[in-house]
N, C-alpha and C. Protein backbone atom coordinates (compact mmCIF):
# COMPACT_ATOMS: atom_id res chain seq x y z
N UNK A 1 -37.99 35.75 67.83
CA UNK A 1 -36.20 34.88 68.64
C UNK A 1 -35.17 35.15 67.60
N UNK A 2 -34.41 35.29 68.61
CA UNK A 2 -33.06 35.96 67.51
C UNK A 2 -32.13 34.31 66.93
N UNK A 3 -31.71 35.34 65.43
CA UNK A 3 -31.69 34.65 64.80
C UNK A 3 -29.63 33.01 64.91
N UNK A 4 -30.55 32.55 65.96
CA UNK A 4 -28.44 31.99 66.58
C UNK A 4 -29.11 30.14 66.60
N UNK A 5 -27.81 29.61 66.07
CA UNK A 5 -28.40 27.68 66.73
C UNK A 5 -29.00 27.44 67.55
N UNK A 6 -28.52 28.48 69.14
CA UNK A 6 -29.54 28.49 70.85
C UNK A 6 -30.84 28.39 70.46
N UNK A 7 -31.73 29.01 69.85
CA UNK A 7 -32.55 29.87 69.85
C UNK A 7 -33.93 27.81 68.77
N UNK A 8 -33.33 27.49 68.15
CA UNK A 8 -34.00 25.76 68.42
C UNK A 8 -33.66 25.46 69.37
N UNK A 9 -32.97 24.53 70.11
CA UNK A 9 -33.43 24.34 71.11
C UNK A 9 -34.65 24.96 72.78
N UNK A 10 -34.72 26.82 72.56
CA UNK A 10 -35.27 27.06 72.98
C UNK A 10 -37.06 26.66 72.65
N UNK A 11 -37.27 27.49 71.05
CA UNK A 11 -38.25 26.74 70.56
C UNK A 11 -38.83 25.63 71.19
N UNK A 12 -37.65 24.39 70.94
CA UNK A 12 -39.06 23.18 71.38
C UNK A 12 -39.24 22.95 72.58
N UNK A 13 -38.36 24.07 73.23
CA UNK A 13 -39.19 23.61 74.62
C UNK A 13 -40.20 23.89 75.12
N UNK A 14 -40.77 25.21 74.46
CA UNK A 14 -41.26 26.02 74.42
C UNK A 14 -42.88 25.62 74.05
N UNK A 15 -42.64 25.23 72.80
CA UNK A 15 -43.59 24.75 71.64
C UNK A 15 -43.92 23.30 72.75
N UNK A 16 -43.24 22.40 73.14
CA UNK A 16 -42.69 20.84 73.83
C UNK A 16 -44.44 21.38 74.95
N UNK A 17 -44.04 22.70 75.51
CA UNK A 17 -44.11 22.57 76.64
C UNK A 17 -45.78 23.65 76.75
N UNK A 18 -46.15 24.03 75.89
CA UNK A 18 -47.93 24.24 75.31
C UNK A 18 -47.80 23.11 74.70
N UNK A 19 -48.08 21.88 74.12
CA UNK A 19 -48.63 20.90 73.50
C UNK A 19 -49.15 19.96 74.88
N UNK A 20 -47.91 19.86 75.74
CA UNK A 20 -48.35 19.18 76.57
C UNK A 20 -49.42 20.17 77.26
N UNK A 21 -49.80 21.03 77.90
CA UNK A 21 -49.89 21.84 78.90
C UNK A 21 -52.16 21.03 78.12
N UNK A 22 -51.24 21.20 76.72
CA UNK A 22 -53.02 21.22 75.99
C UNK A 22 -53.78 19.68 75.92
N UNK A 23 -52.79 19.26 76.68
CA UNK A 23 -53.15 17.61 76.77
C UNK A 23 -52.40 16.87 75.35
N UNK A 24 -51.33 17.33 74.30
CA UNK A 24 -50.84 16.06 73.48
C UNK A 24 -50.16 14.96 74.03
N UNK A 25 -49.80 13.40 73.15
CA UNK A 25 -48.99 13.47 74.26
C UNK A 25 -48.03 13.32 72.79
N UNK A 26 -47.08 12.37 73.53
CA UNK A 26 -45.32 12.53 74.19
C UNK A 26 -44.73 11.55 71.94
N UNK A 27 -45.77 11.28 71.50
CA UNK A 27 -45.28 10.57 70.20
C UNK A 27 -45.84 11.83 69.05
N UNK A 28 -46.64 12.59 69.64
CA UNK A 28 -46.14 14.14 68.53
C UNK A 28 -46.51 15.20 68.59
N UNK A 29 -45.50 15.20 69.93
CA UNK A 29 -45.37 16.25 70.92
C UNK A 29 -43.55 16.08 69.65
N UNK A 30 -43.04 14.91 69.88
CA UNK A 30 -41.81 15.07 69.56
C UNK A 30 -41.93 15.45 67.82
N UNK A 31 -43.03 15.26 67.04
CA UNK A 31 -43.18 15.24 65.94
C UNK A 31 -43.11 16.07 65.24
N UNK A 32 -44.22 17.09 66.28
CA UNK A 32 -44.49 18.61 66.33
C UNK A 32 -42.91 19.44 66.52
N UNK A 33 -42.13 19.01 67.49
CA UNK A 33 -40.79 19.32 67.94
C UNK A 33 -39.35 19.27 66.73
N UNK A 34 -39.72 17.98 66.19
CA UNK A 34 -38.83 17.96 65.42
C UNK A 34 -39.30 18.98 63.80
N UNK A 35 -39.81 19.10 63.97
CA UNK A 35 -40.60 19.80 62.55
C UNK A 35 -40.33 21.61 62.02
N UNK A 36 -40.44 21.63 63.59
CA UNK A 36 -40.10 23.16 64.56
C UNK A 36 -38.70 23.36 64.18
N UNK A 37 -37.56 22.18 64.67
CA UNK A 37 -36.91 22.67 64.88
C UNK A 37 -35.90 22.19 63.11
N UNK A 38 -36.49 21.62 62.25
CA UNK A 38 -36.26 21.59 60.97
C UNK A 38 -35.97 22.96 60.36
N UNK A 39 -37.73 23.41 60.39
CA UNK A 39 -37.97 25.13 59.46
C UNK A 39 -36.69 25.70 60.46
N UNK A 40 -36.98 26.11 62.30
CA UNK A 40 -35.82 26.73 62.19
C UNK A 40 -34.32 26.85 61.59
N UNK A 41 -34.21 25.51 62.17
CA UNK A 41 -32.44 25.40 61.38
C UNK A 41 -31.80 26.08 59.81
N UNK A 42 -33.43 25.29 59.00
CA UNK A 42 -33.55 26.39 57.78
C UNK A 42 -33.08 27.41 57.89
N UNK A 43 -34.34 28.07 58.53
CA UNK A 43 -34.50 29.51 58.40
C UNK A 43 -33.30 30.47 59.03
N UNK A 44 -32.49 29.53 59.68
CA UNK A 44 -31.23 30.28 61.16
C UNK A 44 -29.89 29.90 59.11
N UNK A 45 -30.06 28.62 58.58
CA UNK A 45 -28.81 28.59 57.48
C UNK A 45 -29.17 29.31 56.48
N UNK A 46 -30.10 29.83 55.78
CA UNK A 46 -30.09 29.50 54.53
C UNK A 46 -30.92 31.35 54.29
N UNK A 47 -31.37 31.28 55.34
CA UNK A 47 -32.83 33.02 54.81
C UNK A 47 -31.88 34.00 55.72
N UNK A 48 -31.66 35.57 55.25
CA UNK A 48 -31.63 36.57 55.50
C UNK A 48 -32.40 36.65 57.04
N UNK A 49 -32.38 37.04 58.29
CA UNK A 49 -33.71 37.90 58.82
C UNK A 49 -33.85 38.63 59.14
N UNK A 50 -35.08 38.58 60.30
CA UNK A 50 -36.07 39.47 59.25
C UNK A 50 -35.37 40.78 60.30
N UNK A 51 -35.55 41.83 60.98
CA UNK A 51 -35.15 43.70 61.46
C UNK A 51 -34.50 43.08 63.13
N UNK A 52 -33.10 43.75 63.04
CA UNK A 52 -33.26 43.02 64.60
C UNK A 52 -31.98 41.83 64.47
N UNK A 53 -32.20 41.33 63.55
CA UNK A 53 -31.86 39.68 63.35
C UNK A 53 -32.22 39.19 64.27
N UNK A 54 -33.85 39.08 64.01
CA UNK A 54 -34.43 37.48 64.93
C UNK A 54 -35.14 36.99 63.39
N UNK A 55 -35.76 35.77 64.01
CA UNK A 55 -36.94 34.99 63.07
C UNK A 55 -37.89 35.19 64.05
N UNK A 56 -39.14 35.21 63.48
CA UNK A 56 -40.28 34.68 64.05
C UNK A 56 -40.58 33.35 64.60
N UNK A 57 -41.04 33.21 65.29
CA UNK A 57 -41.73 31.32 65.34
C UNK A 57 -43.43 30.79 66.05
N UNK A 58 -43.93 30.94 65.67
CA UNK A 58 -45.38 30.45 65.68
C UNK A 58 -46.01 29.07 65.50
N UNK A 59 -47.06 28.67 67.23
CA UNK A 59 -47.43 27.68 66.07
C UNK A 59 -49.56 27.52 66.96
N UNK A 60 -49.30 27.08 66.32
CA UNK A 60 -51.60 27.20 66.31
C UNK A 60 -51.98 25.37 67.32
N UNK A 61 -51.99 24.95 68.21
CA UNK A 61 -53.05 24.14 68.15
C UNK A 61 -54.33 23.93 68.37
N UNK A 62 -55.06 23.50 67.60
CA UNK A 62 -56.50 23.24 66.70
C UNK A 62 -56.43 21.73 67.74
N UNK A 63 -57.77 21.36 67.92
CA UNK A 63 -57.73 19.89 68.18
C UNK A 63 -57.36 18.66 67.23
N UNK A 64 -57.30 19.02 66.13
CA UNK A 64 -57.12 17.78 65.10
C UNK A 64 -55.49 18.05 64.77
N UNK A 65 -55.10 19.30 64.68
CA UNK A 65 -53.48 19.72 64.36
C UNK A 65 -53.04 20.83 65.12
N UNK A 66 -51.22 20.87 64.67
CA UNK A 66 -50.24 21.75 65.16
C UNK A 66 -49.93 22.69 64.05
N UNK A 67 -50.13 23.75 63.86
CA UNK A 67 -49.44 24.74 62.92
C UNK A 67 -48.04 25.13 63.06
N UNK A 68 -46.89 24.83 62.95
CA UNK A 68 -45.77 25.41 63.15
C UNK A 68 -45.66 26.56 62.31
N UNK A 69 -45.10 27.73 61.93
CA UNK A 69 -44.38 28.31 61.09
C UNK A 69 -43.24 29.83 61.68
N UNK A 70 -42.25 29.56 60.60
CA UNK A 70 -41.60 30.07 60.76
C UNK A 70 -41.05 31.38 59.99
N UNK A 71 -41.13 32.85 59.98
CA UNK A 71 -41.08 33.65 58.80
C UNK A 71 -39.41 34.65 59.36
N UNK A 72 -38.89 34.63 57.63
CA UNK A 72 -37.53 35.57 57.93
C UNK A 72 -37.42 36.17 56.94
N UNK A 73 -36.52 36.62 56.88
CA UNK A 73 -36.25 38.33 55.37
C UNK A 73 -36.45 37.42 54.46
N UNK A 74 -36.13 36.38 54.64
CA UNK A 74 -35.87 35.79 52.99
C UNK A 74 -34.70 35.27 52.34
N UNK A 75 -34.32 34.56 51.34
CA UNK A 75 -33.46 33.67 50.39
C UNK A 75 -33.59 34.44 48.76
N UNK A 76 -32.06 34.20 48.33
CA UNK A 76 -32.70 34.03 47.14
C UNK A 76 -33.33 33.15 46.07
N UNK A 77 -32.84 32.05 47.35
CA UNK A 77 -33.73 30.91 46.47
C UNK A 77 -34.65 29.63 48.14
N UNK A 78 -36.27 29.79 47.16
CA UNK A 78 -37.31 29.00 48.13
C UNK A 78 -37.12 27.73 48.91
N UNK A 79 -37.52 27.87 49.57
CA UNK A 79 -36.73 26.98 49.88
C UNK A 79 -38.01 25.71 49.04
N UNK A 80 -37.14 24.17 49.53
CA UNK A 80 -37.97 23.28 48.55
C UNK A 80 -37.11 22.30 49.11
N UNK A 81 -37.55 20.82 48.37
CA UNK A 81 -37.32 19.49 49.42
C UNK A 81 -36.21 18.49 48.62
N UNK A 82 -35.87 18.44 48.51
CA UNK A 82 -34.51 18.09 47.62
C UNK A 82 -34.00 15.98 48.46
N UNK A 83 -33.26 15.64 47.13
CA UNK A 83 -32.95 14.53 47.12
C UNK A 83 -31.58 14.89 47.41
N UNK A 84 -30.88 14.06 49.24
CA UNK A 84 -30.52 14.08 48.97
C UNK A 84 -29.49 12.73 49.06
N UNK A 85 -27.90 12.78 48.75
CA UNK A 85 -27.16 11.82 48.36
C UNK A 85 -27.09 11.28 50.45
N UNK A 86 -26.73 9.31 50.30
CA UNK A 86 -26.59 8.87 51.30
C UNK A 86 -25.28 9.77 51.88
N UNK A 87 -24.31 9.80 50.85
CA UNK A 87 -23.72 10.21 51.89
C UNK A 87 -23.37 11.87 52.11
N UNK A 88 -24.25 12.41 51.20
CA UNK A 88 -24.68 14.06 52.40
C UNK A 88 -24.96 14.39 53.50
N UNK A 89 -24.02 15.73 54.09
CA UNK A 89 -24.12 16.00 55.24
C UNK A 89 -25.94 16.64 55.92
N UNK A 90 -26.17 17.34 54.43
CA UNK A 90 -27.28 17.56 54.98
C UNK A 90 -28.50 17.17 53.91
N UNK A 91 -29.38 18.45 53.58
CA UNK A 91 -30.18 18.07 52.82
C UNK A 91 -31.25 16.87 52.77
N UNK A 92 -32.15 16.90 54.34
CA UNK A 92 -33.02 16.49 54.72
C UNK A 92 -34.09 16.72 55.06
N UNK A 93 -34.21 18.28 55.27
CA UNK A 93 -34.79 18.88 56.79
C UNK A 93 -35.98 19.01 56.22
N UNK A 94 -36.70 19.36 54.50
CA UNK A 94 -37.57 19.61 54.89
C UNK A 94 -37.86 17.49 53.90
N UNK A 95 -37.15 16.92 53.72
CA UNK A 95 -38.25 15.92 53.89
C UNK A 95 -38.87 15.82 54.86
N UNK A 96 -38.00 15.84 56.19
CA UNK A 96 -39.16 15.16 57.17
C UNK A 96 -40.11 15.51 57.57
N UNK A 97 -40.39 17.25 56.94
CA UNK A 97 -41.13 17.54 57.08
C UNK A 97 -41.89 17.46 56.73
N UNK A 98 -41.46 17.05 55.09
CA UNK A 98 -43.26 16.58 54.37
C UNK A 98 -43.64 15.02 54.68
N UNK A 99 -42.55 14.27 56.00
CA UNK A 99 -43.49 13.08 56.07
C UNK A 99 -44.07 13.22 57.13
N UNK A 100 -43.72 13.95 57.89
CA UNK A 100 -44.28 13.96 60.01
C UNK A 100 -46.04 15.26 59.65
N UNK A 101 -45.73 15.85 58.57
CA UNK A 101 -46.67 16.80 57.99
C UNK A 101 -47.72 16.42 57.53
N UNK A 102 -49.05 16.81 58.09
CA UNK A 102 -49.86 16.81 56.47
C UNK A 102 -49.34 18.01 55.88
N UNK A 103 -49.35 18.05 55.24
CA UNK A 103 -49.01 19.44 54.31
C UNK A 103 -47.49 20.33 55.17
N UNK A 104 -47.94 21.23 53.55
CA UNK A 104 -46.33 22.23 54.24
C UNK A 104 -45.93 23.47 53.10
N UNK A 105 -45.55 24.27 53.50
CA UNK A 105 -45.48 24.76 52.27
C UNK A 105 -44.76 26.81 52.79
N UNK A 106 -44.90 27.60 51.49
CA UNK A 106 -44.21 28.75 51.72
C UNK A 106 -44.99 29.96 51.39
N UNK A 107 -45.01 30.87 52.13
CA UNK A 107 -45.33 32.16 51.93
C UNK A 107 -44.47 33.02 51.62
N UNK A 108 -45.55 34.41 51.08
CA UNK A 108 -44.40 35.20 50.96
C UNK A 108 -44.84 36.25 51.76
N UNK A 109 -44.10 36.88 52.46
CA UNK A 109 -44.81 38.28 53.26
C UNK A 109 -44.40 39.29 52.65
N UNK A 110 -44.14 40.90 53.87
CA UNK A 110 -43.71 42.08 53.63
C UNK A 110 -42.22 42.16 53.25
N UNK A 111 -41.75 41.77 54.31
CA UNK A 111 -40.84 41.29 54.06
C UNK A 111 -39.99 39.86 54.19
N UNK A 112 -40.17 38.75 53.89
CA UNK A 112 -39.66 38.36 53.56
C UNK A 112 -40.59 36.81 53.51
N UNK A 113 -40.56 35.65 54.52
CA UNK A 113 -40.69 34.03 53.41
C UNK A 113 -41.43 33.34 55.16
N UNK A 114 -42.06 32.60 54.67
CA UNK A 114 -43.11 31.62 56.33
C UNK A 114 -42.78 30.20 55.52
N UNK A 115 -42.06 29.95 56.11
CA UNK A 115 -42.85 28.33 55.92
C UNK A 115 -43.00 27.86 56.86
N UNK A 116 -44.29 27.24 57.24
CA UNK A 116 -45.66 26.11 57.57
C UNK A 116 -45.16 25.05 57.17
N UNK A 117 -46.44 24.33 58.41
CA UNK A 117 -46.51 23.41 58.50
C UNK A 117 -47.60 22.91 58.96
N UNK A 118 -48.37 21.33 58.74
CA UNK A 118 -49.63 21.33 59.91
C UNK A 118 -49.08 19.78 59.77
N UNK A 119 -49.65 19.48 61.87
CA UNK A 119 -49.05 18.25 61.99
C UNK A 119 -50.15 17.52 62.84
N UNK A 120 -50.67 16.27 62.12
CA UNK A 120 -51.80 16.17 62.20
C UNK A 120 -51.79 15.65 64.11
N UNK A 121 -53.03 15.45 64.83
CA UNK A 121 -52.62 15.16 65.78
C UNK A 121 -54.00 14.12 65.81
N UNK A 122 -53.35 12.65 65.75
CA UNK A 122 -54.30 11.92 65.89
C UNK A 122 -55.97 11.66 67.07
N UNK A 123 -56.49 11.62 66.79
CA UNK A 123 -57.64 11.65 68.26
C UNK A 123 -56.84 10.25 69.33
N UNK A 124 -55.71 10.13 69.43
CA UNK A 124 -55.01 8.46 70.64
C UNK A 124 -54.51 9.10 71.05
N UNK A 125 -53.59 10.43 70.41
CA UNK A 125 -53.11 11.20 70.88
C UNK A 125 -53.09 12.86 71.67
N UNK A 126 -54.09 12.17 72.56
CA UNK A 126 -54.48 13.11 72.81
C UNK A 126 -55.16 12.69 74.43
N UNK A 127 -55.02 12.98 75.60
CA UNK A 127 -56.07 12.76 76.54
C UNK A 127 -57.73 13.40 76.41
N UNK A 128 -57.55 12.00 77.03
CA UNK A 128 -59.13 11.96 77.21
C UNK A 128 -60.05 13.54 77.60
N UNK A 129 -60.98 13.57 76.78
CA UNK A 129 -61.68 15.02 77.75
C UNK A 129 -62.53 14.27 79.02
N UNK A 130 -62.22 14.72 79.87
CA UNK A 130 -62.68 14.11 81.19
C UNK A 130 -63.78 15.19 81.61
N UNK A 131 -65.15 15.02 81.91
CA UNK A 131 -66.37 15.55 82.60
C UNK A 131 -66.07 15.31 84.05
N UNK A 132 -66.68 16.78 84.48
CA UNK A 132 -67.20 15.90 85.48
C UNK A 132 -68.22 16.48 86.45
N UNK A 133 -69.16 15.35 87.45
CA UNK A 133 -70.53 16.41 87.43
C UNK A 133 -70.78 15.76 88.98
N UNK A 134 -71.15 16.57 89.43
CA UNK A 134 -71.63 16.43 91.39
C UNK A 134 -73.14 15.69 91.37
């Protein structure tokens, strides 16, 4: 995706459509969309882009979780959660990721960093699997 703020909305829409198609309900869809928004926004704001002024955004939908990841060209510092003051205009993104995710982390690659998060999908958040027999 282009390393521009407009990519956040595009990624959210595509991800939400995939989750809904997989039978995942609204609450989890909103949580996962918020996590991808935070990860992508952080990469746009704080990191270098990959070649071609791009970022890589991926997700994997599994039975009990959704893993999202954003890869960028790296930055002088590694992403970490901070405690923002009440009056600070930012600094809460990775705290939100921490609250909504089962786990999250940062891994180094050949071209930069990938920040990933695994968001749980409780059984009640999925449409029941229907079977049909004649």
